[in-house]
Every structure is written in C-alpha cells, then in structure tokens.
Protein backbone atom coordinates (compact mmCIF):
# COMPACT_ATOMS: atom_id res chain seq x y z
CA MET A 1 -17.46 13.33 49.88
CA LYS A 2 -19.88 12.76 46.99
CA LYS A 3 -18.44 15.75 45.19
CA SER A 4 -14.90 14.41 45.64
CA ARG A 5 -15.86 10.99 44.27
CA GLY A 6 -17.52 12.71 41.32
CA ARG A 7 -14.35 14.57 40.44
CA THR A 8 -12.37 11.34 40.76
CA GLY A 9 -14.85 9.56 38.51
CA ARG A 10 -14.63 12.30 35.90
CA LYS A 11 -10.83 12.17 36.04
CA ARG A 12 -10.93 8.42 35.53
CA ARG A 13 -13.30 8.78 32.60
CA ARG A 14 -11.10 11.46 31.06
CA LYS A 15 -8.03 9.29 31.62
CA HIS A 16 -9.79 6.30 30.05
CA LEU A 17 -10.92 8.43 27.09
CA GLN A 18 -7.44 9.86 26.64
CA SER A 19 -5.99 6.36 26.80
CA PHE A 20 -8.40 5.27 24.07
CA MET A 21 -7.53 8.31 21.96
CA ASP A 22 -3.79 7.69 22.36
CA GLY A 23 -4.09 3.98 21.68
CA VAL A 24 -4.77 0.80 23.63
CA ASN A 25 -1.63 -1.29 24.16
CA CYS A 26 -2.12 -4.75 22.63
CA SER A 27 1.30 -6.25 23.36
CA HIS A 28 -0.26 -8.60 25.93
CA LYS A 29 -2.26 -10.42 23.24
CA LEU A 30 -1.05 -13.93 22.50
CA GLU A 31 -0.53 -13.41 18.76
CA TYR A 32 1.83 -10.48 19.41
CA ILE A 33 3.68 -12.31 22.20
CA LYS A 34 4.31 -15.22 19.79
CA LEU A 35 5.33 -12.85 17.00
CA LYS A 36 7.81 -10.98 19.20
CA LYS A 37 9.35 -14.26 20.44
CA TRP A 38 9.61 -15.52 16.85
CA LEU A 39 11.31 -12.28 15.78
CA LYS A 40 13.67 -12.35 18.77
CA ASP A 41 14.77 -15.87 17.79
CA ARG A 42 15.66 -14.40 14.38
CA GLY A 43 17.76 -11.60 15.85
CA PHE A 44 15.24 -8.77 16.31
CA GLU A 45 15.81 -6.69 19.44
CA ASP A 46 12.66 -5.32 21.02
CA GLY A 47 12.71 -1.54 20.88
CA ASN A 48 10.27 1.14 21.99
CA LEU A 49 7.41 0.18 19.68
CA LYS A 50 4.35 -1.62 21.01
CA PRO A 51 1.35 -2.90 19.01
CA ALA A 52 -1.75 -0.88 19.84
CA GLN A 53 -5.29 -0.25 18.68
CA PHE A 54 -6.07 3.36 17.74
CA TRP A 55 -9.52 4.85 17.39
CA ASP A 56 -8.86 6.52 14.03
CA THR A 57 -6.32 4.28 12.27
CA GLY A 58 -7.02 0.88 13.79
CA ARG A 59 -4.04 -1.35 14.46
CA GLY A 60 -0.64 0.31 14.58
CA LEU A 61 2.50 0.84 16.66
CA MET A 62 2.92 3.27 19.57
CA THR A 63 6.18 4.48 21.04
CA THR A 64 6.94 4.12 24.74
CA LYS A 65 9.38 7.03 24.62
CA ALA A 66 9.39 10.39 22.86
CA LEU A 67 11.03 10.32 19.43
CA GLN A 68 13.10 13.15 17.99
CA ALA A 69 14.07 13.85 14.39
CA GLY A 70 16.99 11.61 13.50
CA ASP A 71 15.97 8.75 15.83
CA LEU A 72 15.94 5.16 14.63
CA ILE A 73 12.35 3.89 14.66
CA ILE A 74 12.98 0.22 13.89
CA SER A 75 15.74 -2.05 12.65
CA LEU A 76 14.58 -5.40 11.28
CA PRO A 77 17.30 -8.01 10.61
CA GLU A 78 17.54 -9.56 7.16
CA ASN A 79 16.69 -12.93 8.68
CA CYS A 80 13.21 -11.60 9.53
CA LEU A 81 12.41 -10.45 5.99
CA LEU A 82 10.37 -12.58 3.61
CA THR A 83 11.83 -12.29 0.10
CA THR A 84 12.13 -14.36 -3.05
CA GLY A 85 15.31 -15.73 -1.49
CA THR A 86 13.12 -17.14 1.29
CA VAL A 87 10.87 -18.74 -1.32
CA LEU A 88 13.73 -20.33 -3.25
CA SER A 89 15.19 -21.85 -0.07
CA SER A 90 11.83 -23.52 0.68
CA CYS A 91 10.41 -26.68 -0.85
CA LEU A 92 8.95 -24.51 -3.62
CA GLY A 93 12.43 -23.58 -4.85
CA GLU A 94 13.11 -26.59 -7.09
CA TYR A 95 9.69 -26.26 -8.76
CA ILE A 96 10.22 -22.57 -9.44
CA MET A 97 13.72 -23.07 -10.84
CA LYS A 98 12.62 -25.68 -13.38
CA TRP A 99 9.35 -24.05 -14.46
CA LYS A 100 9.25 -22.51 -17.94
CA PRO A 101 8.49 -19.81 -18.80
CA PRO A 102 9.84 -18.40 -15.52
CA VAL A 103 7.34 -17.15 -12.95
CA SER A 104 7.48 -13.58 -11.73
CA PRO A 105 8.91 -12.65 -8.31
CA LEU A 106 5.38 -11.54 -7.39
CA ILE A 107 3.86 -14.94 -8.18
CA ALA A 108 6.66 -16.69 -6.31
CA LEU A 109 5.84 -14.71 -3.16
CA CYS A 110 2.10 -15.19 -3.61
CA THR A 111 2.62 -18.94 -3.96
CA PHE A 112 4.73 -19.05 -0.81
CA LEU A 113 2.14 -17.14 1.24
CA ILE A 114 -0.69 -19.41 0.07
CA ALA A 115 1.34 -22.56 0.72
CA GLU A 116 2.45 -21.44 4.18
CA LYS A 117 -1.06 -20.38 5.14
CA HIS A 118 -2.32 -23.79 4.05
CA ALA A 119 0.41 -25.50 6.12
CA GLY A 120 -1.11 -24.00 9.29
CA GLU A 121 0.70 -25.15 12.45
CA LYS A 122 3.50 -26.69 10.37
CA SER A 123 4.50 -23.35 8.85
CA LEU A 124 7.69 -21.73 10.14
CA TRP A 125 6.07 -18.39 9.37
CA LYS A 126 2.87 -19.03 11.33
CA PRO A 127 3.49 -16.31 13.98
CA TYR A 128 3.65 -13.76 11.16
CA LEU A 129 0.77 -15.20 9.16
CA ASP A 130 -1.44 -15.09 12.28
CA VAL A 131 -1.21 -11.29 12.51
CA LEU A 132 -1.78 -10.62 8.80
CA PRO A 133 -5.23 -9.26 7.87
CA LYS A 134 -7.75 -11.93 6.96
CA THR A 135 -9.43 -9.62 4.46
CA TYR A 136 -8.55 -6.39 2.65
CA THR A 137 -10.47 -3.30 1.57
CA CYS A 138 -8.66 -2.62 -1.72
CA PRO A 139 -11.09 -2.11 -4.63
CA VAL A 140 -10.01 -5.46 -6.11
CA CYS A 141 -11.67 -7.15 -3.10
CA LEU A 142 -14.90 -5.13 -3.15
CA GLU A 143 -18.19 -6.38 -4.53
CA HIS A 144 -19.13 -5.21 -8.02
CA ASP A 145 -22.06 -3.11 -6.78
CA VAL A 146 -19.72 -1.31 -4.36
CA VAL A 147 -17.11 -0.63 -7.04
CA SER A 148 -19.84 0.80 -9.27
CA LEU A 149 -20.38 3.57 -6.70
CA LEU A 150 -16.80 4.85 -7.01
CA PRO A 151 -15.99 7.96 -9.09
CA GLU A 152 -15.46 7.06 -12.74
CA PRO A 153 -11.64 7.43 -12.92
CA LEU A 154 -11.21 5.35 -9.75
CA ARG A 155 -13.83 2.84 -10.90
CA LYS A 156 -11.91 2.42 -14.16
CA LYS A 157 -8.63 1.85 -12.29
CA ALA A 158 -10.35 -0.60 -9.91
CA GLN A 159 -11.70 -2.60 -12.84
CA GLU A 160 -8.26 -2.64 -14.45
CA GLN A 161 -6.79 -3.86 -11.16
CA ARG A 162 -9.40 -6.62 -10.89
CA THR A 163 -8.72 -7.71 -14.48
CA MET A 164 -4.97 -7.75 -13.86
CA VAL A 165 -5.27 -9.96 -10.77
CA HIS A 166 -7.66 -12.31 -12.56
CA GLU A 167 -5.28 -12.62 -15.52
CA LEU A 168 -2.44 -13.26 -13.07
CA TYR A 169 -4.45 -16.12 -11.59
CA VAL A 170 -5.37 -17.65 -14.96
CA SER A 171 -1.79 -17.44 -16.25
CA SER A 172 -0.45 -19.10 -13.07
CA LYS A 173 -2.84 -22.07 -12.85
CA ALA A 174 -0.52 -24.40 -14.76
CA PHE A 175 2.36 -23.55 -12.42
CA PHE A 176 0.13 -24.12 -9.38
CA SER A 177 -0.80 -27.54 -10.78
CA SER A 178 2.89 -28.45 -11.08
CA LEU A 179 3.15 -28.20 -7.29
CA GLN A 180 0.77 -31.13 -6.75
CA PRO A 181 3.52 -33.51 -5.46
CA LEU A 182 3.94 -31.20 -2.45
CA PHE A 183 0.32 -31.46 -1.31
CA ALA A 184 -2.10 -34.17 -0.30
CA GLU A 185 -5.05 -32.01 -1.34
CA ASN A 186 -5.79 -30.94 -4.89
CA THR A 187 -3.84 -27.78 -5.73
CA GLY A 188 -6.95 -26.40 -7.42
CA THR A 189 -8.64 -26.05 -4.03
CA ILE A 190 -5.54 -24.64 -2.32
CA PHE A 191 -4.45 -22.15 -4.98
CA ASN A 192 -7.87 -20.80 -5.87
CA TYR A 193 -8.69 -17.24 -6.91
CA SER A 194 -9.68 -16.19 -3.41
CA ALA A 195 -6.32 -17.36 -2.04
CA LEU A 196 -4.38 -15.53 -4.77
CA GLU A 197 -6.40 -12.35 -4.22
CA TRP A 198 -5.52 -12.44 -0.50
CA ALA A 199 -1.84 -13.11 -1.18
CA TRP A 200 -1.66 -10.40 -3.86
CA CYS A 201 -3.25 -7.85 -1.51
CA THR A 202 -0.88 -8.85 1.28
CA ILE A 203 2.11 -8.15 -0.94
CA ASN A 204 0.68 -5.07 -2.63
CA THR A 205 -0.28 -3.36 0.63
CA ARG A 206 2.52 -4.48 2.96
CA THR A 207 5.83 -4.99 1.15
CA ILE A 208 8.76 -2.64 1.53
CA TYR A 209 10.95 -1.74 -1.43
CA MET A 210 14.11 -3.79 -1.47
CA LYS A 211 15.95 -4.38 -4.74
CA HIS A 212 17.34 -7.87 -5.33
CA SER A 213 19.71 -9.10 -8.00
CA GLN A 214 18.07 -10.62 -11.07
CA ARG A 215 17.80 -14.42 -11.02
CA GLU A 216 17.39 -16.53 -14.15
CA CYS A 217 14.65 -18.59 -12.52
CA PHE A 218 12.38 -15.51 -12.44
CA SER A 219 10.87 -13.44 -15.21
CA LEU A 220 12.36 -10.05 -16.05
CA GLU A 221 9.93 -8.18 -13.79
CA PRO A 222 11.81 -6.24 -11.07
CA ASP A 223 12.42 -8.25 -7.90
CA VAL A 224 11.86 -5.45 -5.37
CA TYR A 225 9.59 -7.02 -2.76
CA ALA A 226 10.18 -7.81 0.90
CA LEU A 227 7.61 -8.53 3.58
CA ALA A 228 8.68 -7.11 6.92
CA PRO A 229 6.97 -8.64 9.97
CA TYR A 230 6.14 -6.18 12.77
CA LEU A 231 7.55 -3.27 10.78
CA ASP A 232 4.50 -3.53 8.51
CA LEU A 233 2.26 -2.61 11.46
CA LEU A 234 3.39 1.01 11.00
CA ASN A 235 0.59 3.09 9.47
CA HIS A 236 0.82 5.86 6.88
CA SER A 237 0.61 9.58 7.43
CA PRO A 238 1.26 12.12 4.65
CA ASN A 239 2.50 14.59 7.26
CA VAL A 240 5.62 12.77 8.44
CA GLN A 241 9.01 12.23 6.86
CA VAL A 242 11.16 9.15 7.25
CA LYS A 243 14.28 7.64 5.73
CA ALA A 244 13.96 3.94 5.01
CA ALA A 245 16.47 1.57 3.41
CA PHE A 246 18.31 -1.69 3.83
CA ASN A 247 21.61 -1.15 5.68
CA ASP A 248 24.31 -3.33 4.11
CA GLN A 249 26.55 -2.92 7.16
CA THR A 250 24.04 -3.99 9.81
CA ARG A 251 22.21 -6.32 7.36
CA SER A 252 18.94 -4.85 8.56
CA TYR A 253 16.11 -2.83 7.09
CA GLU A 254 16.05 0.46 9.00
CA ILE A 255 13.60 3.32 9.30
CA TRP A 256 14.74 6.69 10.67
CA THR A 257 12.29 9.45 11.50
CA ASN A 258 12.61 13.09 10.47
CA SER A 259 9.64 14.03 12.66
CA GLN A 260 8.91 14.21 16.37
CA CYS A 261 6.54 11.87 18.15
CA LYS A 262 5.34 12.14 21.75
CA LYS A 263 5.46 9.30 24.24
CA TYR A 264 2.57 6.82 23.83
CA GLU A 265 1.52 8.33 20.51
CA GLU A 266 1.19 6.36 17.30
CA VAL A 267 4.33 6.23 15.19
CA PHE A 268 3.70 6.87 11.50
CA ILE A 269 5.72 6.42 8.37
CA CYS A 270 5.00 7.82 4.91
CA TYR A 271 4.27 5.44 2.05
CA GLY A 272 4.87 8.27 -0.41
CA PRO A 273 3.19 11.51 -1.60
CA HIS A 274 0.04 9.68 -2.70
CA ASP A 275 -3.39 11.19 -3.19
CA ASN A 276 -6.45 9.42 -1.79
CA GLN A 277 -7.29 7.68 -5.07
CA ARG A 278 -3.86 6.05 -5.09
CA LEU A 279 -4.09 5.20 -1.37
CA LEU A 280 -7.49 3.55 -1.76
CA LEU A 281 -6.49 1.69 -4.90
CA GLU A 282 -3.18 0.37 -3.58
CA TYR A 283 -3.72 0.18 0.19
CA GLY A 284 -7.47 0.18 0.80
CA PHE A 285 -7.75 3.39 2.87
CA VAL A 286 -7.81 7.17 2.49
CA ALA A 287 -5.99 9.82 4.55
CA VAL A 288 -7.88 12.61 6.31
CA ASP A 289 -6.68 16.14 5.40
CA ASN A 290 -4.35 14.69 2.80
CA PRO A 291 -2.16 17.54 1.42
CA HIS A 292 -1.73 15.49 -1.77
CA SER A 293 -5.46 15.27 -2.45
CA SER A 294 -6.37 15.52 -6.12
CA VAL A 295 -9.51 15.51 -8.24
CA TYR A 296 -9.37 13.07 -11.15
CA VAL A 297 -11.53 13.95 -14.11
CA SER A 298 -12.80 11.54 -16.77
CA SER A 299 -11.99 12.16 -20.41
CA ASP A 300 -15.72 12.51 -21.19
CA THR A 301 -16.02 15.37 -18.69
CA LEU A 302 -12.96 17.09 -20.13
CA LEU A 303 -14.25 16.86 -23.68
CA ARG A 304 -17.49 18.46 -22.56
CA TYR A 305 -15.61 21.66 -21.66
CA PHE A 306 -12.63 21.78 -24.02
CA PRO A 307 -13.16 24.39 -26.79
CA PRO A 308 -14.73 22.54 -29.77
CA LEU A 309 -13.36 25.01 -32.34
CA ASP A 310 -9.72 24.61 -31.30
CA LYS A 311 -7.91 23.60 -34.51
CA GLN A 312 -5.31 21.66 -32.54
CA ARG A 313 -7.87 19.93 -30.33
CA ASN A 314 -7.41 16.45 -31.82
CA ALA A 315 -3.62 16.69 -31.74
CA LYS A 316 -3.64 17.80 -28.11
CA LEU A 317 -6.04 15.05 -27.10
CA SER A 318 -3.88 12.52 -28.92
CA ILE A 319 -0.80 13.67 -26.99
CA LEU A 320 -2.72 13.52 -23.70
CA LYS A 321 -3.89 9.98 -24.47
CA ASP A 322 -0.47 8.76 -25.64
CA ARG A 323 1.16 10.04 -22.45
CA ASP A 324 -1.60 8.61 -20.25
CA PHE A 325 -2.70 12.07 -19.07
CA LEU A 326 -6.42 11.51 -19.63
CA ASP A 327 -8.35 10.56 -16.48
CA LYS A 328 -5.60 12.29 -14.49
CA ARG A 329 -5.40 15.33 -12.23
CA LEU A 330 -7.29 18.29 -13.63
CA CYS A 331 -4.49 20.85 -13.17
CA VAL A 332 -2.02 18.80 -15.24
CA ILE A 333 -4.41 18.44 -18.16
CA GLN A 334 -5.67 22.01 -18.13
CA THR A 335 -2.22 23.58 -17.94
CA PHE A 336 -1.08 21.53 -20.87
CA TYR A 337 -4.19 21.91 -22.99
CA PHE A 338 -4.56 25.66 -22.79
CA SER A 339 -0.92 26.54 -23.29
CA THR A 340 -0.24 28.43 -26.51
CA CYS A 341 3.10 26.63 -26.83
CA TRP A 342 1.63 23.38 -25.59
CA ARG A 343 4.59 21.28 -26.66
CA ARG A 344 6.83 23.35 -24.37
CA ALA A 345 4.21 23.24 -21.61
CA LEU A 346 4.53 19.48 -21.67
CA LEU A 347 8.15 19.96 -20.64
CA GLY A 348 7.22 22.29 -17.77
CA ASP A 349 7.20 25.73 -19.45
CA VAL A 350 4.83 28.46 -18.18
CA ILE A 351 1.70 29.55 -20.05
CA SER A 352 0.50 33.06 -20.83
CA ALA A 353 -1.62 35.12 -18.42
CA ARG A 354 -4.55 35.03 -20.87
CA ASN A 355 -4.49 31.27 -21.15
CA GLU A 356 -3.89 30.96 -17.42
CA GLN A 357 -7.20 32.80 -16.89
CA ARG A 358 -8.92 30.58 -19.48
CA THR A 359 -7.62 27.59 -17.59
CA LEU A 360 -9.02 28.87 -14.29
CA ASN A 361 -12.42 29.65 -15.83
CA ILE A 362 -12.77 26.23 -17.43
CA THR A 363 -11.49 24.53 -14.28
CA ALA A 364 -14.11 26.35 -12.20
CA LYS A 365 -16.86 25.13 -14.55
CA ILE A 366 -15.62 21.54 -14.37
CA CYS A 367 -15.36 21.69 -10.57
CA HIS A 368 -18.89 23.08 -10.35
CA PHE A 369 -20.09 20.24 -12.58
CA LEU A 370 -18.34 17.64 -10.40
CA ILE A 371 -19.74 19.11 -7.18
CA GLU A 372 -23.28 19.01 -8.59
C-alpha cells in the first residue's frame, strides 16, 4: 500500500510540475475576469486563449485547443483598440486640436494613458489599465549604474533612448500645462517624467502597427500606433510565423498562425526578426537561442583592427559613418570594408576569395578580443 501511495504521489508531483511547465491558468483572477467582461461589452468574442503564468516567459496566453497552421489566433474588434482616434474623441481632443505646434501621435497617446491612469475608477479604460505592467525593464528605465554595465554599442543606444524620452518630456511640458482646466491637481504632478516614461514604454513595447490617415491636428510623424488589450498578452518567439493585420471587412485586428501549437501550450507571435540587442532596447527582454543573434562592435574596436596603411581607410570609414554602419553587426562592416570593389559591395556584390579570407581572419581576432 505504501508503495502504491508513493507512485501516486510521484505522479501527482510530475503532473504538478508539468502543469507549471506548461503554464498556470490565471483566467480566474479578478483583473482578467473584469478585462474579459469589458472586452465582451465591446464586441470581443472569447476564443481559445486563456491568460496564464509561464515559468520561462512570465505572463502570456495559452491555448485550450491545438492550433494548426492557418488557424485564427485572435480577432480583436476595432472598438477594443486604443488609437489616436480614441484620444481625439475624449476630453483631451479639443485641447489637442487647438494646440500649436501640433503634438505627435505618440505624445497624444502618452497623454491619454497618463490621464486615464490618473482618473482611476472613473476611467472607462480601467480594466485594461489594471493589467498593464506597473514597471518596465527597457534600458530607458534602468538605473545609470546598471546601464553602465551593458556592452558599449547597447549602452550608447540606451543613452540615446534615455535622452530622446527626456527631450520628449521637456518639449511636451507646455502642452501638459495647457490641460490644467481638466484637472483639480496641478498638471506638473500628474504629467511628470516618471509618468511619461511609463506611458512611453507602454506604447513602445505593446502597440501593434496600424496605419491611420494623417490628421492636421497632429505633427507629420507617422500615426501607426494601436494598443490592443488582451492581444498584447501574447509573447514573442523568433521561431514562429504569424500573419497580422487589420481586416477592413470584419473591422477587427486579426492574427493568423503559420505554426502549430499543442493544447495548453503558450501561444507565441513574432515581433520581427530582431536580435537580442534590439529586443532588450525596445521590449526589455532577450530571447533564448535567438537565430537572429548578432554581435555589435564599437567603432573603437573596429579601428583597432582595420589595416592602418589602407589608402582608402578614411573614405571607407566615412561611408560607414554616413550610412550609420558603425557600431553595427560585425559581418556587415567587415564584408564592406575588405571588399576590393567596396562601392559595389555596399550594394550587395560579392568580394574576392582573398579578401573573404582577410575578413575571416580579422573577424576571428575581433571575436577573440571581445570574448576576452
């Protein structure tokens, strides 16, 4: 009898472990119940996706039935999407339309998110806001001493990102102040840098691409953002293929899978063929066994190994700099630099066997230097 109970106990432990590995269903949690009800009221039909917690990717969506290539993963009605159209139809609309110079679509969405978050229980978007991350792990949010530990090319990009967000905040302060009639509190405390950083990260990490017609009340920056509640719980995998677009006939944003997925497994989508530097910079995570992994090399490291007696060295470096190739992937730079007909190489032409070998030798030295 003891032996039998032991086997049963082991089976239960294995089942529990397997359940944890597959994902723990979280659809019973109050915030997801409220979100699903809110979406249903807006026309979203509950499909086979359930919110779950996964041991390796964190929060995501699992499927309750096996998916085959060609299956529809999710269809989110236009009424559920948060776009600049949503912003203009809110109380912010009249302030945006009369502000000069026009604000960007990005700032309009950031302003809306901050205002709705501040509204709390009064916000019509509260069920969605409640499931958004409270903090983000993009480099722009990291402490300076943490950013300083990043590889030089990524550290440089992270600093540029931080500067860009800060300049966005400074340039928008006057517009934020114009919204004072809408709030009892001082807009300076509501629309502070921390709030803008959170809103910017929300949009940068979670929006889907959806092109909108140009409006005169916005700046000339492309209006291509849409926040997609529930759909944005889908995590990234570089190993899956999907087709995603807004369907003008169904008036819904749809995602179709080109990959298979077993029952109760996590459903992934692909954000694009991004290497881990791009993923960390834009989304705050890296992908394990990423087939698009690349090594970025600083210009100082390249100059250390480029032939100093090359008569065309300065011209080549100038071309690399003008085309923003410095601090890029090593293979791109090396192939270009060591091509005899380097102008043609820039357009995709092949290089000679001799220079191909030179490229490999120099690349090996740089890689050895980076590893050390």
